[in-house]
Amino acid sequence: SMWGLVGGDLSRVDGRTAFEALRTGDTAARAVVDQYLRYLADGLANYVNIFQPEVICLGGGVSHHSDENLLIPLQFASIIPPLSNLCRHYLVFHPDSI
């Protein structure tokens, strides 16, 4: 569980906590990650609609997680198909960025 991963210490919770708990099958972690992905997809859609970039590069710790937990859900979160009509773009994760 997420609570167990941080040893009951909320100061140890970070962006990776829910993703790590998700790998153990934690249902609360699934809800947290799903909500995070909805917010991220909404933000990316707004960004693309305003700036129409050709490439979107996401970095940081969360980008280290597997495609099935991050990239694939984002592609199906209603962001990718509508954008294909607006501009040529790619969603790229760069785990080595700060």
N, C-alpha and C. Protein backbone atom coordinates (compact mmCIF):
# COMPACT_ATOMS: atom_id res chain seq x y z
N SER A 1 0.84 -1.19 0.00
CA SER A 1 0.00 0.00 0.00
C SER A 1 0.88 1.25 0.00
N MET A 2 0.30 2.36 -0.41
CA MET A 2 1.05 3.62 -0.42
C MET A 2 1.49 3.98 0.99
N TRP A 3 0.60 3.78 1.95
CA TRP A 3 0.92 4.11 3.34
C TRP A 3 2.11 3.29 3.82
N GLY A 4 2.15 2.02 3.46
CA GLY A 4 3.26 1.16 3.85
C GLY A 4 4.56 1.55 3.18
N LEU A 5 4.49 1.99 1.93
CA LEU A 5 5.71 2.38 1.21
C LEU A 5 6.42 3.56 1.86
N VAL A 6 5.64 4.45 2.47
CA VAL A 6 6.25 5.63 3.09
C VAL A 6 6.40 5.45 4.60
N GLY A 7 6.10 4.25 5.08
CA GLY A 7 6.25 3.97 6.51
C GLY A 7 5.39 4.85 7.39
N GLY A 8 4.23 5.27 6.87
CA GLY A 8 3.32 6.11 7.63
C GLY A 8 3.79 7.55 7.77
N ASP A 9 4.83 7.93 7.05
CA ASP A 9 5.41 9.27 7.14
C ASP A 9 5.04 10.06 5.88
N LEU A 10 4.09 10.98 6.00
CA LEU A 10 3.63 11.75 4.85
C LEU A 10 4.72 12.59 4.21
N SER A 11 5.76 12.93 4.95
CA SER A 11 6.84 13.73 4.38
C SER A 11 7.65 12.92 3.36
N ARG A 12 7.47 11.61 3.34
CA ARG A 12 8.18 10.76 2.38
C ARG A 12 7.39 10.51 1.10
N VAL A 13 6.19 11.06 0.99
CA VAL A 13 5.37 10.90 -0.20
C VAL A 13 5.91 11.82 -1.29
N ASP A 14 6.10 11.26 -2.49
CA ASP A 14 6.52 12.08 -3.63
C ASP A 14 5.78 11.59 -4.87
N GLY A 15 6.15 12.11 -6.02
CA GLY A 15 5.46 11.77 -7.26
C GLY A 15 5.56 10.31 -7.65
N ARG A 16 6.53 9.62 -7.11
CA ARG A 16 6.72 8.21 -7.48
C ARG A 16 5.92 7.26 -6.59
N THR A 17 5.50 7.72 -5.44
CA THR A 17 4.87 6.84 -4.46
C THR A 17 3.68 6.09 -5.04
N ALA A 18 2.75 6.79 -5.67
CA ALA A 18 1.56 6.13 -6.21
C ALA A 18 1.93 5.14 -7.31
N PHE A 19 2.91 5.49 -8.15
CA PHE A 19 3.32 4.57 -9.21
C PHE A 19 3.95 3.30 -8.64
N GLU A 20 4.73 3.46 -7.59
CA GLU A 20 5.34 2.28 -6.96
C GLU A 20 4.27 1.40 -6.32
N ALA A 21 3.31 2.01 -5.65
CA ALA A 21 2.23 1.24 -5.03
C ALA A 21 1.35 0.60 -6.09
N LEU A 22 1.20 1.25 -7.24
CA LEU A 22 0.40 0.70 -8.33
C LEU A 22 0.95 -0.65 -8.77
N ARG A 23 2.27 -0.78 -8.79
CA ARG A 23 2.89 -2.04 -9.20
C ARG A 23 2.55 -3.19 -8.25
N THR A 24 2.16 -2.86 -7.02
CA THR A 24 1.80 -3.90 -6.06
C THR A 24 0.31 -4.22 -6.10
N GLY A 25 -0.43 -3.51 -6.97
CA GLY A 25 -1.86 -3.77 -7.10
C GLY A 25 -2.72 -2.94 -6.16
N ASP A 26 -2.18 -1.90 -5.56
CA ASP A 26 -2.90 -1.05 -4.63
C ASP A 26 -4.02 -0.31 -5.37
N THR A 27 -5.27 -0.50 -4.94
CA THR A 27 -6.41 0.13 -5.61
C THR A 27 -6.44 1.64 -5.37
N ALA A 28 -6.01 2.09 -4.19
CA ALA A 28 -5.96 3.53 -3.93
C ALA A 28 -4.93 4.18 -4.85
N ALA A 29 -3.81 3.49 -5.06
CA ALA A 29 -2.78 4.01 -5.97
C ALA A 29 -3.33 4.12 -7.38
N ARG A 30 -4.13 3.16 -7.81
CA ARG A 30 -4.75 3.20 -9.15
C ARG A 30 -5.61 4.45 -9.28
N ALA A 31 -6.38 4.77 -8.25
CA ALA A 31 -7.23 5.96 -8.29
C ALA A 31 -6.39 7.24 -8.35
N VAL A 32 -5.30 7.29 -7.58
CA VAL A 32 -4.42 8.46 -7.58
C VAL A 32 -3.76 8.64 -8.95
N VAL A 33 -3.25 7.56 -9.52
CA VAL A 33 -2.59 7.63 -10.82
C VAL A 33 -3.59 8.00 -11.91
N ASP A 34 -4.78 7.44 -11.87
CA ASP A 34 -5.80 7.78 -12.86
C ASP A 34 -6.15 9.27 -12.81
N GLN A 35 -6.30 9.81 -11.61
CA GLN A 35 -6.61 11.23 -11.47
C GLN A 35 -5.44 12.08 -11.96
N TYR A 36 -4.22 11.69 -11.61
CA TYR A 36 -3.03 12.40 -12.08
C TYR A 36 -2.99 12.42 -13.61
N LEU A 37 -3.26 11.27 -14.24
CA LEU A 37 -3.22 11.20 -15.70
C LEU A 37 -4.29 12.07 -16.34
N ARG A 38 -5.48 12.14 -15.72
CA ARG A 38 -6.52 13.03 -16.25
C ARG A 38 -6.07 14.48 -16.20
N TYR A 39 -5.49 14.90 -15.08
CA TYR A 39 -5.00 16.27 -14.96
C TYR A 39 -3.87 16.54 -15.95
N LEU A 40 -2.95 15.60 -16.07
CA LEU A 40 -1.84 15.77 -17.00
C LEU A 40 -2.34 15.84 -18.44
N ALA A 41 -3.27 14.99 -18.80
CA ALA A 41 -3.82 15.00 -20.16
C ALA A 41 -4.53 16.31 -20.45
N ASP A 42 -5.29 16.81 -19.48
CA ASP A 42 -5.97 18.10 -19.67
C ASP A 42 -4.95 19.23 -19.86
N GLY A 43 -3.91 19.22 -19.04
CA GLY A 43 -2.87 20.24 -19.16
C GLY A 43 -2.15 20.17 -20.49
N LEU A 44 -1.82 18.97 -20.92
CA LEU A 44 -1.13 18.80 -22.21
C LEU A 44 -2.03 19.23 -23.37
N ALA A 45 -3.30 18.90 -23.27
CA ALA A 45 -4.23 19.30 -24.34
C ALA A 45 -4.31 20.82 -24.42
N ASN A 46 -4.38 21.48 -23.28
CA ASN A 46 -4.41 22.94 -23.28
C ASN A 46 -3.13 23.51 -23.86
N TYR A 47 -2.00 22.96 -23.46
CA TYR A 47 -0.70 23.41 -23.97
C TYR A 47 -0.64 23.27 -25.49
N VAL A 48 -1.06 22.12 -25.99
CA VAL A 48 -1.00 21.88 -27.43
C VAL A 48 -1.97 22.79 -28.17
N ASN A 49 -3.15 23.01 -27.62
CA ASN A 49 -4.11 23.89 -28.28
C ASN A 49 -3.62 25.33 -28.34
N ILE A 50 -2.84 25.74 -27.35
CA ILE A 50 -2.34 27.12 -27.33
C ILE A 50 -1.08 27.27 -28.20
N PHE A 51 -0.13 26.37 -28.04
CA PHE A 51 1.18 26.54 -28.67
C PHE A 51 1.40 25.68 -29.92
N GLN A 52 0.61 24.66 -30.12
CA GLN A 52 0.71 23.73 -31.26
C GLN A 52 2.14 23.27 -31.50
N PRO A 53 2.76 22.65 -30.50
CA PRO A 53 4.14 22.17 -30.67
C PRO A 53 4.18 20.92 -31.53
N GLU A 54 5.33 20.66 -32.10
CA GLU A 54 5.51 19.41 -32.84
C GLU A 54 5.93 18.28 -31.92
N VAL A 55 6.57 18.62 -30.80
CA VAL A 55 7.07 17.61 -29.86
C VAL A 55 6.68 18.02 -28.45
N ILE A 56 6.24 17.06 -27.68
CA ILE A 56 6.01 17.26 -26.25
C ILE A 56 6.97 16.32 -25.54
N CYS A 57 7.84 16.87 -24.70
CA CYS A 57 8.82 16.06 -23.98
C CYS A 57 8.55 16.19 -22.49
N LEU A 58 8.22 15.08 -21.86
CA LEU A 58 7.98 15.07 -20.42
C LEU A 58 9.17 14.45 -19.73
N GLY A 59 9.62 15.06 -18.65
CA GLY A 59 10.77 14.54 -17.92
C GLY A 59 10.47 14.45 -16.45
N GLY A 60 11.50 14.23 -15.69
CA GLY A 60 11.36 14.12 -14.25
C GLY A 60 11.16 12.68 -13.81
N GLY A 61 11.02 12.52 -12.51
CA GLY A 61 10.95 11.18 -11.93
C GLY A 61 9.80 10.33 -12.41
N VAL A 62 8.65 10.94 -12.62
CA VAL A 62 7.49 10.17 -13.04
C VAL A 62 7.70 9.56 -14.43
N SER A 63 8.51 10.20 -15.26
CA SER A 63 8.74 9.69 -16.61
C SER A 63 9.54 8.39 -16.63
N HIS A 64 10.06 7.97 -15.48
CA HIS A 64 10.78 6.70 -15.40
C HIS A 64 9.84 5.50 -15.41
N HIS A 65 8.56 5.72 -15.26
CA HIS A 65 7.64 4.60 -15.14
C HIS A 65 7.27 4.03 -16.50
N SER A 66 6.83 2.82 -16.46
CA SER A 66 6.61 2.05 -17.69
C SER A 66 5.52 2.65 -18.56
N ASP A 67 5.59 2.31 -19.83
CA ASP A 67 4.62 2.81 -20.79
C ASP A 67 3.19 2.45 -20.41
N GLU A 68 2.98 1.26 -19.85
CA GLU A 68 1.60 0.86 -19.56
C GLU A 68 0.99 1.67 -18.42
N ASN A 69 1.81 2.33 -17.61
CA ASN A 69 1.29 3.14 -16.52
C ASN A 69 1.26 4.62 -16.83
N LEU A 70 1.94 5.06 -17.88
CA LEU A 70 2.01 6.49 -18.16
C LEU A 70 1.73 6.82 -19.62
N LEU A 71 2.57 6.36 -20.52
CA LEU A 71 2.44 6.76 -21.93
C LEU A 71 1.16 6.25 -22.56
N ILE A 72 0.87 4.98 -22.41
CA ILE A 72 -0.32 4.40 -23.05
C ILE A 72 -1.61 5.04 -22.51
N PRO A 73 -1.76 5.18 -21.18
CA PRO A 73 -2.98 5.86 -20.70
C PRO A 73 -3.11 7.30 -21.20
N LEU A 74 -1.99 8.01 -21.30
CA LEU A 74 -2.07 9.38 -21.81
C LEU A 74 -2.52 9.42 -23.26
N GLN A 75 -2.06 8.46 -24.04
CA GLN A 75 -2.46 8.44 -25.44
C GLN A 75 -3.95 8.18 -25.61
N PHE A 76 -4.54 7.50 -24.64
CA PHE A 76 -5.97 7.19 -24.73
C PHE A 76 -6.82 8.10 -23.86
N ALA A 77 -6.22 9.13 -23.29
CA ALA A 77 -6.96 10.05 -22.42
C ALA A 77 -7.55 11.21 -23.20
N SER A 78 -7.89 10.97 -24.44
CA SER A 78 -8.52 11.94 -25.35
C SER A 78 -7.61 13.09 -25.73
N ILE A 79 -6.32 12.97 -25.49
CA ILE A 79 -5.42 14.04 -25.91
C ILE A 79 -4.84 13.77 -27.30
N ILE A 80 -4.41 12.56 -27.57
CA ILE A 80 -3.67 12.31 -28.80
C ILE A 80 -4.55 12.33 -30.06
N PRO A 81 -5.65 11.58 -30.15
CA PRO A 81 -6.39 11.57 -31.42
C PRO A 81 -6.85 12.94 -31.91
N PRO A 82 -7.45 13.80 -31.07
CA PRO A 82 -7.89 15.09 -31.60
C PRO A 82 -6.73 15.98 -32.05
N LEU A 83 -5.59 15.82 -31.45
CA LEU A 83 -4.47 16.68 -31.79
C LEU A 83 -3.86 16.34 -33.13
N SER A 84 -4.08 15.13 -33.60
CA SER A 84 -3.47 14.74 -34.86
C SER A 84 -4.00 15.60 -36.01
N ASN A 85 -5.16 16.20 -35.84
CA ASN A 85 -5.70 17.09 -36.86
C ASN A 85 -5.09 18.49 -36.79
N LEU A 86 -4.53 18.85 -35.61
CA LEU A 86 -4.02 20.20 -35.43
C LEU A 86 -2.56 20.35 -35.83
N CYS A 87 -1.76 19.38 -35.46
CA CYS A 87 -0.34 19.50 -35.73
C CYS A 87 0.31 18.13 -35.65
N ARG A 88 1.46 18.03 -36.25
CA ARG A 88 2.23 16.79 -36.12
C ARG A 88 2.96 16.86 -34.79
N HIS A 89 2.78 15.88 -33.96
CA HIS A 89 3.39 15.94 -32.64
C HIS A 89 3.76 14.55 -32.15
N TYR A 90 4.61 14.54 -31.18
CA TYR A 90 5.04 13.30 -30.55
C TYR A 90 5.03 13.53 -29.05
N LEU A 91 4.65 12.53 -28.32
CA LEU A 91 4.72 12.57 -26.87
C LEU A 91 5.91 11.73 -26.47
N VAL A 92 6.91 12.38 -25.89
CA VAL A 92 8.19 11.74 -25.58
C VAL A 92 8.45 11.87 -24.09
N PHE A 93 8.94 10.81 -23.49
CA PHE A 93 9.33 10.87 -22.08
C PHE A 93 10.84 10.84 -22.01
N HIS A 94 11.40 11.75 -21.27
CA HIS A 94 12.84 11.86 -21.14
C HIS A 94 13.22 11.67 -19.68
N PRO A 95 13.48 10.43 -19.24
CA PRO A 95 13.71 10.17 -17.82
C PRO A 95 14.98 10.77 -17.25
N ASP A 96 15.89 11.22 -18.06
CA ASP A 96 17.14 11.78 -17.55
C ASP A 96 17.06 13.29 -17.30
N SER A 97 15.91 13.90 -17.63
CA SER A 97 15.81 15.34 -17.41
C SER A 97 15.57 15.62 -15.93
N ILE A 98 15.82 16.83 -15.56
CA ILE A 98 15.69 17.22 -14.15
C ILE A 98 14.27 17.60 -13.83
